[in-house]
Amino acid sequence: MVTQHRRAIPRTVTDVLLWLLASDVATAHQPQPHQPDRCANPRCADQAYPCPPARDAHRAQQAATGPQPRARGRARVAAPATVTGWFRHSRTQPCAA
């Protein structure tokens, strides 16, 4: 079964695997419905929300997301630099045999 967040990967994500893992952890560590200041995950044993795994998941999602994509269109490419002096003729030296 594919969960909703696995189908909606934002375009700004640069590390898909990290983002998916962080999304799984963030989904598993939600606040309790009746106590929004407590984590509902049984592994957190009634810890305050956001619990350490939820905070780490949020930081991982930020790390997996790059900057906003630039506007689409034609890219401007600078003219290539002219390189001179790489292949200057040097004096030929006779080989010592």
Protein backbone atom coordinates (compact mmCIF):
# COMPACT_ATOMS: atom_id res chain seq x y z
CA MET A 1 0.00 0.00 0.00
CA VAL A 2 1.37 3.41 -0.99
CA THR A 3 0.73 6.13 1.55
CA GLN A 4 -0.27 9.63 0.53
CA HIS A 5 3.06 11.32 1.30
CA ARG A 6 4.92 8.85 -0.95
CA ARG A 7 2.94 10.03 -3.96
CA ALA A 8 3.34 13.75 -3.29
CA ILE A 9 7.09 14.33 -3.30
CA PRO A 10 7.70 18.08 -3.67
CA ARG A 11 9.70 19.30 -6.65
CA THR A 12 12.24 20.92 -4.34
CA VAL A 13 13.35 17.57 -2.85
CA THR A 14 16.97 16.83 -3.73
CA ASP A 15 17.41 13.64 -1.64
CA VAL A 16 14.31 11.51 -2.20
CA LEU A 17 15.33 8.61 0.06
CA LEU A 18 16.08 10.88 3.02
CA TRP A 19 12.84 12.78 2.46
CA LEU A 20 10.77 9.57 2.30
CA LEU A 21 12.35 8.20 5.48
CA ALA A 22 11.79 11.50 7.28
CA SER A 23 8.19 11.57 6.08
CA ASP A 24 7.61 8.06 7.42
CA VAL A 25 8.98 9.04 10.83
CA ALA A 26 7.02 12.30 10.90
CA THR A 27 3.83 10.42 10.00
CA ALA A 28 4.45 7.90 12.78
CA HIS A 29 5.06 10.61 15.39
CA GLN A 30 1.96 12.79 15.43
CA PRO A 31 0.40 14.56 18.43
CA GLN A 32 -2.32 12.78 20.38
CA PRO A 33 -5.84 13.86 19.36
CA HIS A 34 -6.93 14.65 22.92
CA GLN A 35 -3.54 15.90 24.17
CA PRO A 36 -1.85 17.81 21.34
CA ASP A 37 1.19 18.46 23.54
CA ARG A 38 1.95 14.69 23.75
CA CYS A 39 3.25 12.29 21.08
CA ALA A 40 0.81 9.54 20.11
CA ASN A 41 3.50 7.02 19.12
CA PRO A 42 3.74 4.17 21.67
CA ARG A 43 7.54 4.18 21.42
CA CYS A 44 7.66 7.70 22.83
CA ALA A 45 5.82 6.64 26.01
CA ASP A 46 3.79 9.83 26.38
CA GLN A 47 6.68 12.24 25.68
CA ALA A 48 6.04 15.89 24.95
CA TYR A 49 5.26 16.73 21.33
CA PRO A 50 7.25 17.37 19.22
CA CYS A 51 9.26 14.39 20.46
CA PRO A 52 12.94 13.94 19.46
CA PRO A 53 12.08 11.64 16.50
CA ALA A 54 9.55 14.19 15.18
CA ARG A 55 12.10 17.02 15.50
CA ASP A 56 14.78 14.92 13.78
CA ALA A 57 12.35 14.03 10.99
CA HIS A 58 11.54 17.71 10.45
CA ARG A 59 15.26 18.58 10.24
CA ALA A 60 15.85 15.67 7.84
CA GLN A 61 13.03 16.88 5.58
CA GLN A 62 14.62 20.33 5.51
CA ALA A 63 18.03 18.82 4.73
CA ALA A 64 16.53 16.75 1.90
CA THR A 65 14.92 19.81 0.33
CA GLY A 66 16.94 22.09 -1.90
CA PRO A 67 16.33 25.70 -2.82
CA GLN A 68 13.24 26.70 -4.79
CA PRO A 69 13.55 25.76 -8.47
CA ARG A 70 14.34 28.62 -10.80
CA ALA A 71 11.89 29.82 -13.37
CA ARG A 72 11.76 27.69 -16.46
CA GLY A 73 12.84 29.12 -19.76
CA ARG A 74 15.95 29.49 -21.77
CA ALA A 75 19.14 29.58 -19.80
CA ARG A 76 21.69 32.24 -20.55
CA VAL A 77 25.11 30.78 -21.12
CA ALA A 78 28.16 32.97 -20.95
CA ALA A 79 30.49 32.88 -23.92
CA PRO A 80 33.36 30.46 -23.36
CA ALA A 81 36.55 32.07 -22.17
CA THR A 82 39.39 32.18 -24.65
CA VAL A 83 42.37 30.33 -23.32
CA THR A 84 45.70 31.27 -24.73
CA GLY A 85 49.18 30.15 -23.94
CA TRP A 86 48.49 26.52 -23.21
CA PHE A 87 50.28 25.14 -26.24
CA ARG A 88 53.17 27.47 -26.76
CA HIS A 89 55.98 26.17 -28.87
CA SER A 90 58.97 25.46 -26.75
CA ARG A 91 62.53 25.05 -27.81
CA THR A 92 63.21 21.55 -28.85
CA GLN A 93 65.96 19.92 -26.89
CA PRO A 94 67.84 17.04 -28.38
CA CYS A 95 67.34 13.81 -26.52
CA ALA A 96 70.35 12.50 -24.69
CA ALA A 97 70.94 8.98 -25.86
